[in-house]
Amino acid sequence: MRRILLASHGHFASGLKSSIDILAGESSGVTAIDAYVDNSDYTAAIREFIDSCTPNDEAVIFTDILGGSVFQKVALEQPEHHGVMHVTGMNLAVVMECLLTPEKLTKESVDEICAAAASQLRRVQVLNEEATDNSGEGFFS
């Protein structure tokens, strides 16, 4: 089974899950942890996710910020020792691709998915005035 945990500061994780549910349909394989929205300790939820994964699962934990406190809590649980991959810097593109790819999730395939998602991150600049006439014509030319 493919299992994904989204863990973030604030409501980013549940917001991302909401977007996934809209775009890909209700996904029971995706769990969200919104850290620091109340005084509860979310470490147990991370541990529970890791412990519930079996060797046959394709499991990935996504965190929001490299080196951030949520990242650190996940890293301290050493998910890789349980066959669970940890990816940080999550965005909708990388999570959707990991969720929907028909390919088996391996370290190599997840690295490729991360590289492809990172290549989509860029500053957008409209290069011609035709695109600003609100007609939609010329925007993608």
C-alpha atoms as a PDB file:
ATOM      1  CA  MET A   1       0.000   0.000   0.000  1.00  0.00           C
ATOM      2  CA  ARG A   2       1.174   3.522  -0.735  1.00  0.00           C
ATOM      3  CA  ARG A   3       1.184   5.660   2.414  1.00  0.00           C
ATOM      4  CA  ILE A   4       2.053   9.340   2.698  1.00  0.00           C
ATOM      5  CA  LEU A   5       2.427  11.539   5.772  1.00  0.00           C
ATOM      6  CA  LEU A   6       2.435  15.322   5.367  1.00  0.00           C
ATOM      7  CA  ALA A   7       3.898  17.170   8.369  1.00  0.00           C
ATOM      8  CA  SER A   8       4.209  20.940   8.577  1.00  0.00           C
ATOM      9  CA  HIS A   9       4.204  24.047  10.693  1.00  0.00           C
ATOM     10  CA  GLY A  10       0.656  25.371  10.882  1.00  0.00           C
ATOM     11  CA  HIS A  11      -2.096  24.208   8.554  1.00  0.00           C
ATOM     12  CA  PHE A  12       0.077  23.737   5.456  1.00  0.00           C
ATOM     13  CA  ALA A  13      -0.135  19.916   5.666  1.00  0.00           C
ATOM     14  CA  SER A  14      -3.924  19.770   5.976  1.00  0.00           C
ATOM     15  CA  GLY A  15      -4.264  22.438   3.276  1.00  0.00           C
ATOM     16  CA  LEU A  16      -2.092  20.372   0.956  1.00  0.00           C
ATOM     17  CA  LYS A  17      -4.174  17.297   1.747  1.00  0.00           C
ATOM     18  CA  SER A  18      -7.323  19.281   0.948  1.00  0.00           C
ATOM     19  CA  SER A  19      -5.877  20.193  -2.474  1.00  0.00           C
ATOM     20  CA  ILE A  20      -4.923  16.563  -3.101  1.00  0.00           C
ATOM     21  CA  ASP A  21      -8.443  15.433  -2.198  1.00  0.00           C
ATOM     22  CA  ILE A  22      -9.896  17.937  -4.695  1.00  0.00           C
ATOM     23  CA  LEU A  23      -7.487  17.075  -7.516  1.00  0.00           C
ATOM     24  CA  ALA A  24      -7.084  13.326  -7.031  1.00  0.00           C
ATOM     25  CA  GLY A  25     -10.171  12.342  -5.077  1.00  0.00           C
ATOM     26  CA  GLU A  26     -10.380  11.395  -1.417  1.00  0.00           C
ATOM     27  CA  SER A  27      -7.107   9.738  -0.504  1.00  0.00           C
ATOM     28  CA  SER A  28      -7.137   7.558   2.569  1.00  0.00           C
ATOM     29  CA  GLY A  29      -3.432   6.874   2.041  1.00  0.00           C
ATOM     30  CA  VAL A  30      -2.536  10.474   2.927  1.00  0.00           C
ATOM     31  CA  THR A  31      -2.307  11.656   6.532  1.00  0.00           C
ATOM     32  CA  ALA A  32      -1.655  15.251   7.624  1.00  0.00           C
ATOM     33  CA  ILE A  33      -0.045  16.563  10.798  1.00  0.00           C
ATOM     34  CA  ASP A  34      -0.452  20.291  11.457  1.00  0.00           C
ATOM     35  CA  ALA A  35       2.199  21.096  14.048  1.00  0.00           C
ATOM     36  CA  TYR A  36       2.073  24.033  16.459  1.00  0.00           C
ATOM     37  CA  VAL A  37      -1.606  24.840  15.908  1.00  0.00           C
ATOM     38  CA  ASP A  38      -2.238  23.918  19.547  1.00  0.00           C
ATOM     39  CA  ASN A  39      -0.166  22.735  22.515  1.00  0.00           C
ATOM     40  CA  SER A  40      -0.251  19.037  21.624  1.00  0.00           C
ATOM     41  CA  ASP A  41       2.926  17.069  20.942  1.00  0.00           C
ATOM     42  CA  TYR A  42       2.799  15.639  17.423  1.00  0.00           C
ATOM     43  CA  THR A  43       5.768  13.278  17.921  1.00  0.00           C
ATOM     44  CA  ALA A  44       3.467  10.378  18.802  1.00  0.00           C
ATOM     45  CA  ALA A  45       1.579  10.790  15.523  1.00  0.00           C
ATOM     46  CA  ILE A  46       4.859  10.632  13.568  1.00  0.00           C
ATOM     47  CA  ARG A  47       5.933   7.541  15.486  1.00  0.00           C
ATOM     48  CA  GLU A  48       2.514   5.937  14.988  1.00  0.00           C
ATOM     49  CA  PHE A  49       2.708   6.478  11.223  1.00  0.00           C
ATOM     50  CA  ILE A  50       6.199   4.970  11.021  1.00  0.00           C
ATOM     51  CA  ASP A  51       5.294   2.024  13.251  1.00  0.00           C
ATOM     52  CA  SER A  52       2.152   1.284  11.233  1.00  0.00           C
ATOM     53  CA  CYS A  53       4.086   0.935   7.967  1.00  0.00           C
ATOM     54  CA  THR A  54       4.856  -2.593   6.822  1.00  0.00           C
ATOM     55  CA  PRO A  55       7.771  -3.769   4.659  1.00  0.00           C
ATOM     56  CA  ASN A  56       5.341  -4.046   1.732  1.00  0.00           C
ATOM     57  CA  ASP A  57       4.236  -0.415   2.032  1.00  0.00           C
ATOM     58  CA  GLU A  58       5.619   2.335  -0.162  1.00  0.00           C
ATOM     59  CA  ALA A  59       5.803   5.009   2.528  1.00  0.00           C
ATOM     60  CA  VAL A  60       7.007   8.607   2.382  1.00  0.00           C
ATOM     61  CA  ILE A  61       6.993  11.340   5.008  1.00  0.00           C
ATOM     62  CA  PHE A  62       7.006  14.878   3.600  1.00  0.00           C
ATOM     63  CA  THR A  63       8.067  17.830   5.757  1.00  0.00           C
ATOM     64  CA  ASP A  64       7.925  21.512   4.924  1.00  0.00           C
ATOM     65  CA  ILE A  65      11.329  23.046   5.738  1.00  0.00           C
ATOM     66  CA  LEU A  66      14.792  21.489   5.616  1.00  0.00           C
ATOM     67  CA  GLY A  67      16.238  21.716   9.107  1.00  0.00           C
ATOM     68  CA  GLY A  68      13.039  23.054  10.663  1.00  0.00           C
ATOM     69  CA  SER A  69      11.625  21.715  13.902  1.00  0.00           C
ATOM     70  CA  VAL A  70       9.100  19.431  12.164  1.00  0.00           C
ATOM     71  CA  PHE A  71      11.897  18.072   9.968  1.00  0.00           C
ATOM     72  CA  GLN A  72      14.005  17.477  13.078  1.00  0.00           C
ATOM     73  CA  LYS A  73      11.231  15.585  14.885  1.00  0.00           C
ATOM     74  CA  VAL A  74      10.821  13.285  11.880  1.00  0.00           C
ATOM     75  CA  ALA A  75      14.578  12.821  11.429  1.00  0.00           C
ATOM     76  CA  LEU A  76      14.996  11.853  15.096  1.00  0.00           C
ATOM     77  CA  GLU A  77      12.508   9.007  14.561  1.00  0.00           C
ATOM     78  CA  GLN A  78      14.846   7.609  11.851  1.00  0.00           C
ATOM     79  CA  PRO A  79      12.078   6.604   9.413  1.00  0.00           C
ATOM     80  CA  GLU A  80      14.591   5.184   6.933  1.00  0.00           C
ATOM     81  CA  HIS A  81      15.387   2.415   9.441  1.00  0.00           C
ATOM     82  CA  HIS A  82      11.771   1.327   9.034  1.00  0.00           C
ATOM     83  CA  GLY A  83      11.709   1.505   5.232  1.00  0.00           C
ATOM     84  CA  VAL A  84      10.023   4.922   5.218  1.00  0.00           C
ATOM     85  CA  MET A  85      11.503   7.667   3.033  1.00  0.00           C
ATOM     86  CA  HIS A  86      11.708  11.272   4.259  1.00  0.00           C
ATOM     87  CA  VAL A  87      11.435  14.140   1.756  1.00  0.00           C
ATOM     88  CA  THR A  88      11.571  17.788   2.777  1.00  0.00           C
ATOM     89  CA  GLY A  89      10.579  20.988   0.989  1.00  0.00           C
ATOM     90  CA  MET A  90       7.207  19.488   0.078  1.00  0.00           C
ATOM     91  CA  ASN A  91       4.943  21.029  -2.495  1.00  0.00           C
ATOM     92  CA  LEU A  92       1.782  19.916  -4.259  1.00  0.00           C
ATOM     93  CA  ALA A  93       3.604  18.723  -7.386  1.00  0.00           C
ATOM     94  CA  VAL A  94       5.957  16.339  -5.583  1.00  0.00           C
ATOM     95  CA  VAL A  95       3.282  14.884  -3.306  1.00  0.00           C
ATOM     96  CA  MET A  96       0.805  14.378  -6.180  1.00  0.00           C
ATOM     97  CA  GLU A  97       3.421  12.672  -8.308  1.00  0.00           C
ATOM     98  CA  CYS A  98       4.451  10.339  -5.489  1.00  0.00           C
ATOM     99  CA  LEU A  99       0.816   9.561  -4.794  1.00  0.00           C
ATOM    100  CA  LEU A 100      -0.284   8.967  -8.380  1.00  0.00           C
ATOM    101  CA  THR A 101       2.704   7.515 -10.186  1.00  0.00           C
ATOM    102  CA  PRO A 102       2.115   3.939 -11.278  1.00  0.00           C
ATOM    103  CA  GLU A 103       5.833   3.314 -10.772  1.00  0.00           C
ATOM    104  CA  LYS A 104       6.963   1.674  -7.538  1.00  0.00           C
ATOM    105  CA  LEU A 105       8.307   4.272  -5.092  1.00  0.00           C
ATOM    106  CA  THR A 106      11.986   3.575  -4.571  1.00  0.00           C
ATOM    107  CA  LYS A 107      14.761   5.884  -3.409  1.00  0.00           C
ATOM    108  CA  GLU A 108      15.726   6.383  -7.062  1.00  0.00           C
ATOM    109  CA  SER A 109      12.203   7.075  -8.315  1.00  0.00           C
ATOM    110  CA  VAL A 110      11.502   9.483  -5.447  1.00  0.00           C
ATOM    111  CA  ASP A 111      14.773  11.321  -6.201  1.00  0.00           C
ATOM    112  CA  GLU A 112      13.628  11.668  -9.843  1.00  0.00           C
ATOM    113  CA  ILE A 113      10.202  12.919  -8.769  1.00  0.00           C
ATOM    114  CA  CYS A 114      11.839  15.475  -6.437  1.00  0.00           C
ATOM    115  CA  ALA A 115      14.094  16.731  -9.235  1.00  0.00           C
ATOM    116  CA  ALA A 116      11.146  17.075 -11.629  1.00  0.00           C
ATOM    117  CA  ALA A 117       9.058  18.928  -9.029  1.00  0.00           C
ATOM    118  CA  ALA A 118      11.953  21.254  -8.185  1.00  0.00           C
ATOM    119  CA  SER A 119      12.363  22.114 -11.871  1.00  0.00           C
ATOM    120  CA  GLN A 120       8.786  23.464 -11.895  1.00  0.00           C
ATOM    121  CA  LEU A 121       9.576  26.062  -9.248  1.00  0.00           C
ATOM    122  CA  ARG A 122      10.339  29.374 -10.932  1.00  0.00           C
ATOM    123  CA  ARG A 123       9.545  33.044 -10.981  1.00  0.00           C
ATOM    124  CA  VAL A 124       6.992  33.893 -13.667  1.00  0.00           C
ATOM    125  CA  GLN A 125       7.320  36.977 -15.826  1.00  0.00           C
ATOM    126  CA  VAL A 126       4.907  38.014 -18.567  1.00  0.00           C
ATOM    127  CA  LEU A 127       7.071  38.859 -21.540  1.00  0.00           C
ATOM    128  CA  ASN A 128       4.604  40.562 -23.875  1.00  0.00           C
ATOM    129  CA  GLU A 129       1.812  43.074 -23.401  1.00  0.00           C
ATOM    130  CA  GLU A 130      -0.663  40.932 -25.366  1.00  0.00           C
ATOM    131  CA  ALA A 131      -0.864  38.640 -22.357  1.00  0.00           C
ATOM    132  CA  THR A 132      -2.108  41.455 -20.109  1.00  0.00           C
ATOM    133  CA  ASP A 133      -5.292  42.232 -22.099  1.00  0.00           C
ATOM    134  CA  ASN A 134      -7.210  39.649 -19.994  1.00  0.00           C
ATOM    135  CA  SER A 135      -8.388  37.817 -23.107  1.00  0.00           C
ATOM    136  CA  GLY A 136      -6.115  34.866 -22.331  1.00  0.00           C
ATOM    137  CA  GLU A 137      -4.797  34.962 -25.882  1.00  0.00           C
ATOM    138  CA  GLY A 138      -1.041  35.201 -26.097  1.00  0.00           C
ATOM    139  CA  PHE A 139      -0.410  34.260 -22.480  1.00  0.00           C
ATOM    140  CA  PHE A 140       1.165  30.891 -23.306  1.00  0.00           C
ATOM    141  CA  SER A 141       2.782  31.946 -26.581  1.00  0.00           C
END
